[in-house]
């Protein structure tokens, strides 16, 4: 009887290990697919990412078509076109959240 219980327990452990390994393999494959998937579309010679990101900034000046923002260093303030961004209150005084394409944030040196 003890031998049968030990065998059953060993089989249960082996099954649990096999299931855990299968889950790890599935996760690894999903990550590999996500890494391999292109995150941009090619438009001429300029690659444009489709990722949208949020950045907390201080807005120092506004016009009808653009806002002047910085992320802490006023000397590195950049103009962002209003047509490419959304601005919302961050919940912190003097700080606003800009939602914009990642390619624009990279191009302007915000990230």
C-alpha atoms as a PDB file:
ATOM      1  CA  UNK A   1       0.000   0.000   0.000  1.00  0.00           C
ATOM      2  CA  UNK A   2       2.824   2.397   0.929  1.00  0.00           C
ATOM      3  CA  UNK A   3       4.550   1.616  -2.341  1.00  0.00           C
ATOM      4  CA  UNK A   4       1.399   2.434  -4.341  1.00  0.00           C
ATOM      5  CA  UNK A   5       1.022   5.764  -2.516  1.00  0.00           C
ATOM      6  CA  UNK A   6       4.666   6.622  -3.122  1.00  0.00           C
ATOM      7  CA  UNK A   7       4.243   5.813  -6.825  1.00  0.00           C
ATOM      8  CA  UNK A   8       1.068   7.909  -7.044  1.00  0.00           C
ATOM      9  CA  UNK A   9       2.816  10.812  -5.332  1.00  0.00           C
ATOM     10  CA  UNK A  10       5.817  10.553  -7.627  1.00  0.00           C
ATOM     11  CA  UNK A  11       3.525  10.561 -10.655  1.00  0.00           C
ATOM     12  CA  UNK A  12       1.653  13.613  -9.320  1.00  0.00           C
ATOM     13  CA  UNK A  13       4.945  15.461  -8.801  1.00  0.00           C
ATOM     14  CA  UNK A  14       6.141  14.495 -12.281  1.00  0.00           C
ATOM     15  CA  UNK A  15       2.856  15.701 -13.770  1.00  0.00           C
ATOM     16  CA  UNK A  16       3.066  19.005 -11.870  1.00  0.00           C
ATOM     17  CA  UNK A  17       6.649  19.517 -13.077  1.00  0.00           C
ATOM     18  CA  UNK A  18       5.665  18.754 -16.668  1.00  0.00           C
ATOM     19  CA  UNK A  19       2.794  21.249 -16.468  1.00  0.00           C
ATOM     20  CA  UNK A  20       5.091  23.913 -14.992  1.00  0.00           C
ATOM     21  CA  UNK A  21       7.649  23.327 -17.761  1.00  0.00           C
ATOM     22  CA  UNK A  22       4.928  23.579 -20.398  1.00  0.00           C
ATOM     23  CA  UNK A  23       3.786  26.899 -18.923  1.00  0.00           C
ATOM     24  CA  UNK A  24       7.343  28.240 -18.904  1.00  0.00           C
ATOM     25  CA  UNK A  25       7.825  27.168 -22.526  1.00  0.00           C
ATOM     26  CA  UNK A  26       4.537  28.805 -23.550  1.00  0.00           C
ATOM     27  CA  UNK A  27       5.529  32.044 -21.817  1.00  0.00           C
ATOM     28  CA  UNK A  28       8.965  31.986 -23.462  1.00  0.00           C
ATOM     29  CA  UNK A  29       7.391  31.473 -26.877  1.00  0.00           C
ATOM     30  CA  UNK A  30       4.934  34.329 -26.291  1.00  0.00           C
ATOM     31  CA  UNK A  31       7.781  36.632 -25.281  1.00  0.00           C
ATOM     32  CA  UNK A  32       9.803  35.630 -28.333  1.00  0.00           C
ATOM     33  CA  UNK A  33       6.860  36.419 -30.587  1.00  0.00           C
ATOM     34  CA  UNK A  34       6.323  39.786 -28.915  1.00  0.00           C
ATOM     35  CA  UNK A  35       9.987  40.695 -29.360  1.00  0.00           C
ATOM     36  CA  UNK A  36       9.995  39.608 -32.987  1.00  0.00           C
ATOM     37  CA  UNK A  37       6.817  41.541 -33.863  1.00  0.00           C
ATOM     38  CA  UNK A  38       7.694  44.893 -35.475  1.00  0.00           C
ATOM     39  CA  UNK A  39       6.530  47.907 -33.466  1.00  0.00           C
ATOM     40  CA  UNK A  40       6.637  50.361 -36.355  1.00  0.00           C
ATOM     41  CA  UNK A  41       5.612  50.759 -39.953  1.00  0.00           C
ATOM     42  CA  UNK A  42       7.992  51.868 -42.639  1.00  0.00           C
ATOM     43  CA  UNK A  43       7.067  55.103 -44.396  1.00  0.00           C
ATOM     44  CA  UNK A  44       9.735  56.007 -46.902  1.00  0.00           C
ATOM     45  CA  UNK A  45      13.052  56.344 -45.090  1.00  0.00           C
ATOM     46  CA  UNK A  46      11.401  57.328 -41.796  1.00  0.00           C
ATOM     47  CA  UNK A  47      10.269  54.600 -39.419  1.00  0.00           C
ATOM     48  CA  UNK A  48       7.325  55.707 -37.305  1.00  0.00           C
ATOM     49  CA  UNK A  49       6.465  53.819 -34.136  1.00  0.00           C
ATOM     50  CA  UNK A  50       2.845  53.272 -33.332  1.00  0.00           C
ATOM     51  CA  UNK A  51       3.373  53.225 -29.554  1.00  0.00           C
ATOM     52  CA  UNK A  52       1.599  55.931 -27.586  1.00  0.00           C
ATOM     53  CA  UNK A  53       3.197  57.027 -24.293  1.00  0.00           C
ATOM     54  CA  UNK A  54       2.527  59.426 -21.417  1.00  0.00           C
ATOM     55  CA  UNK A  55       5.167  61.850 -20.119  1.00  0.00           C
ATOM     56  CA  UNK A  56       4.809  64.254 -17.194  1.00  0.00           C
ATOM     57  CA  UNK A  57       5.988  67.727 -18.197  1.00  0.00           C
ATOM     58  CA  UNK A  58       5.828  71.362 -17.229  1.00  0.00           C
ATOM     59  CA  UNK A  59       4.178  73.479 -19.913  1.00  0.00           C
ATOM     60  CA  UNK A  60       5.985  76.823 -20.086  1.00  0.00           C
ATOM     61  CA  UNK A  61       4.248  78.368 -23.105  1.00  0.00           C
ATOM     62  CA  UNK A  62       1.221  77.680 -25.316  1.00  0.00           C
ATOM     63  CA  UNK A  63       0.200  78.825 -28.760  1.00  0.00           C
ATOM     64  CA  UNK A  64      -2.703  77.767 -30.930  1.00  0.00           C
ATOM     65  CA  UNK A  65      -0.546  75.183 -32.714  1.00  0.00           C
ATOM     66  CA  UNK A  66       2.104  74.090 -30.198  1.00  0.00           C
ATOM     67  CA  UNK A  67       3.146  73.872 -26.557  1.00  0.00           C
ATOM     68  CA  UNK A  68       6.603  74.426 -25.096  1.00  0.00           C
ATOM     69  CA  UNK A  69       7.369  71.722 -22.522  1.00  0.00           C
ATOM     70  CA  UNK A  70      10.241  70.372 -20.462  1.00  0.00           C
ATOM     71  CA  UNK A  71      10.748  67.417 -18.134  1.00  0.00           C
ATOM     72  CA  UNK A  72      12.689  69.274 -15.463  1.00  0.00           C
ATOM     73  CA  UNK A  73      15.359  71.256 -17.285  1.00  0.00           C
ATOM     74  CA  UNK A  74      13.920  74.484 -18.739  1.00  0.00           C
ATOM     75  CA  UNK A  75      16.996  74.854 -20.964  1.00  0.00           C
ATOM     76  CA  UNK A  76      15.958  71.656 -22.771  1.00  0.00           C
ATOM     77  CA  UNK A  77      12.356  72.713 -23.401  1.00  0.00           C
ATOM     78  CA  UNK A  78      10.906  71.566 -26.734  1.00  0.00           C
ATOM     79  CA  UNK A  79       7.924  72.550 -28.836  1.00  0.00           C
ATOM     80  CA  UNK A  80       5.290  69.872 -29.410  1.00  0.00           C
ATOM     81  CA  UNK A  81       2.619  70.251 -32.096  1.00  0.00           C
ATOM     82  CA  UNK A  82      -0.886  70.275 -30.604  1.00  0.00           C
ATOM     83  CA  UNK A  83      -2.059  68.154 -33.542  1.00  0.00           C
ATOM     84  CA  UNK A  84       0.174  65.248 -32.387  1.00  0.00           C
ATOM     85  CA  UNK A  85      -0.468  65.301 -28.625  1.00  0.00           C
ATOM     86  CA  UNK A  86      -3.068  65.312 -25.874  1.00  0.00           C
ATOM     87  CA  UNK A  87      -2.529  67.147 -22.586  1.00  0.00           C
ATOM     88  CA  UNK A  88      -4.236  66.268 -19.314  1.00  0.00           C
ATOM     89  CA  UNK A  89      -3.867  67.195 -15.661  1.00  0.00           C
ATOM     90  CA  UNK A  90      -1.386  64.926 -13.862  1.00  0.00           C
ATOM     91  CA  UNK A  91      -2.790  65.600 -10.418  1.00  0.00           C
ATOM     92  CA  UNK A  92       0.376  67.428  -9.343  1.00  0.00           C
ATOM     93  CA  UNK A  93       0.512  71.244  -9.257  1.00  0.00           C
ATOM     94  CA  UNK A  94       2.314  72.694 -12.289  1.00  0.00           C
ATOM     95  CA  UNK A  95       2.749  69.282 -13.930  1.00  0.00           C
ATOM     96  CA  UNK A  96       0.711  68.018 -16.862  1.00  0.00           C
ATOM     97  CA  UNK A  97       0.687  64.676 -18.632  1.00  0.00           C
ATOM     98  CA  UNK A  98       1.359  64.700 -22.366  1.00  0.00           C
ATOM     99  CA  UNK A  99       0.175  61.719 -24.386  1.00  0.00           C
ATOM    100  CA  UNK A 100       2.111  61.416 -27.634  1.00  0.00           C
ATOM    101  CA  UNK A 101       3.603  58.933 -30.099  1.00  0.00           C
ATOM    102  CA  UNK A 102       6.846  57.400 -28.852  1.00  0.00           C
ATOM    103  CA  UNK A 103       8.635  58.409 -32.064  1.00  0.00           C
ATOM    104  CA  UNK A 104       7.828  62.077 -31.372  1.00  0.00           C
ATOM    105  CA  UNK A 105       9.091  61.850 -27.772  1.00  0.00           C
ATOM    106  CA  UNK A 106      12.305  60.270 -29.054  1.00  0.00           C
ATOM    107  CA  UNK A 107      12.691  62.830 -31.831  1.00  0.00           C
ATOM    108  CA  UNK A 108      12.263  65.715 -29.362  1.00  0.00           C
ATOM    109  CA  UNK A 109      14.620  64.179 -26.770  1.00  0.00           C
ATOM    110  CA  UNK A 110      11.963  63.716 -24.094  1.00  0.00           C
ATOM    111  CA  UNK A 111      12.925  60.060 -23.596  1.00  0.00           C
END
